[in-house]
Amino acid sequence: MADIKGLIKKIEEYNKKYMITENSSEADKLIAKMHEKKYTKEEYFEVEEEVKAFMQSDASEADKQKVMGYTESLSMLCAAIREGRLDI
């Protein structure tokens, strides 16, 4: 039981550390948006456009690289929607 309580405490600490707040960076907010799974087709495309705009912005290269690490699944979902292989 102590192991479970310790695990729960570690999870709570992790969630608190990585919680998105108004003080979070734009990169972190964008990554959090990409992790949300409750989107319509239009919302997926909107997030895709936000990512494109972020990548063309004057954000730091470190932040751009951070965001790039999370874009593959979004890109694949948007491509599948466009090609008619995924209906949301």
Protein backbone atom coordinates (compact mmCIF):
# COMPACT_ATOMS: atom_id res chain seq x y z
CA MET A 1 0.00 0.00 0.00
CA ALA A 2 2.89 2.35 0.74
CA ASP A 3 4.13 1.85 -2.82
CA ILE A 4 0.77 2.94 -4.22
CA LYS A 5 0.66 6.01 -2.00
CA GLY A 6 4.19 6.90 -3.07
CA LEU A 7 3.26 6.45 -6.72
CA ILE A 8 0.17 8.63 -6.34
CA LYS A 9 2.28 11.32 -4.68
CA LYS A 10 4.82 11.19 -7.54
CA ILE A 11 2.02 11.46 -10.11
CA GLU A 12 0.53 14.47 -8.31
CA GLU A 13 3.94 16.16 -8.19
CA TYR A 14 4.48 15.46 -11.90
CA ASN A 15 1.06 16.82 -12.84
CA LYS A 16 1.62 19.95 -10.76
CA LYS A 17 5.05 20.53 -12.30
CA TYR A 18 3.76 20.22 -15.87
CA MET A 19 0.36 21.90 -15.42
CA ILE A 20 -0.41 24.50 -18.08
CA THR A 21 -1.11 27.92 -16.58
CA GLU A 22 -1.29 31.47 -17.88
CA ASN A 23 2.44 31.71 -17.14
CA SER A 24 3.30 28.71 -19.34
CA SER A 25 5.26 29.34 -22.51
CA GLU A 26 3.49 29.48 -25.86
CA ALA A 27 5.33 26.30 -26.83
CA ASP A 28 4.00 24.45 -23.78
CA LYS A 29 0.47 25.71 -24.40
CA LEU A 30 0.63 24.58 -28.03
CA ILE A 31 1.94 21.16 -27.03
CA ALA A 32 -0.93 20.81 -24.54
CA LYS A 33 -3.40 21.67 -27.32
CA MET A 34 -1.89 18.97 -29.52
CA HIS A 35 -2.38 16.42 -26.74
CA GLU A 36 -6.11 17.11 -26.46
CA LYS A 37 -8.11 14.40 -28.17
CA LYS A 38 -11.58 15.93 -28.36
CA TYR A 39 -11.42 17.83 -31.63
CA THR A 40 -13.65 18.22 -34.65
CA LYS A 41 -12.08 18.25 -38.10
CA GLU A 42 -12.06 22.02 -38.11
CA GLU A 43 -10.41 22.19 -34.71
CA TYR A 44 -7.63 19.82 -35.82
CA PHE A 45 -6.98 22.08 -38.80
CA GLU A 46 -7.02 25.17 -36.56
CA VAL A 47 -4.38 23.65 -34.28
CA GLU A 48 -2.37 22.71 -37.36
CA GLU A 49 -2.48 26.35 -38.49
CA GLU A 50 -1.45 27.52 -35.02
CA VAL A 51 1.57 25.21 -35.20
CA LYS A 52 2.50 26.57 -38.64
CA ALA A 53 2.21 30.15 -37.41
CA PHE A 54 4.29 29.34 -34.33
CA MET A 55 7.00 27.77 -36.48
CA GLN A 56 7.15 30.93 -38.62
CA SER A 57 7.17 33.23 -35.60
CA ASP A 58 10.16 34.72 -33.84
CA ALA A 59 9.98 32.09 -31.08
CA SER A 60 13.29 30.66 -29.94
CA GLU A 61 14.76 27.73 -31.84
CA ALA A 62 14.63 25.70 -28.63
CA ASP A 63 10.86 26.28 -28.35
CA LYS A 64 10.36 25.47 -32.03
CA GLN A 65 12.29 22.22 -31.65
CA LYS A 66 10.25 21.39 -28.55
CA VAL A 67 6.99 21.85 -30.49
CA MET A 68 8.31 19.89 -33.49
CA GLY A 69 8.73 16.88 -31.24
CA TYR A 70 4.95 16.68 -30.88
CA THR A 71 3.68 17.48 -34.37
CA GLU A 72 3.90 14.10 -36.08
CA SER A 73 0.61 12.69 -34.77
CA LEU A 74 -1.22 15.95 -35.51
CA SER A 75 0.17 15.95 -39.03
CA MET A 76 -0.85 12.35 -39.58
CA LEU A 77 -4.39 12.99 -38.29
CA CYS A 78 -4.86 16.04 -40.51
CA ALA A 79 -3.53 14.17 -43.55
CA ALA A 80 -5.89 11.25 -42.90
CA ILE A 81 -8.85 13.63 -42.57
CA ARG A 82 -7.95 15.40 -45.82
CA GLU A 83 -7.56 12.09 -47.65
CA GLY A 84 -10.93 10.85 -46.40
CA ARG A 85 -9.39 7.96 -44.44
CA LEU A 86 -10.56 9.34 -41.09
CA ASP A 87 -14.03 10.67 -40.39
CA ILE A 88 -14.41 12.60 -37.16
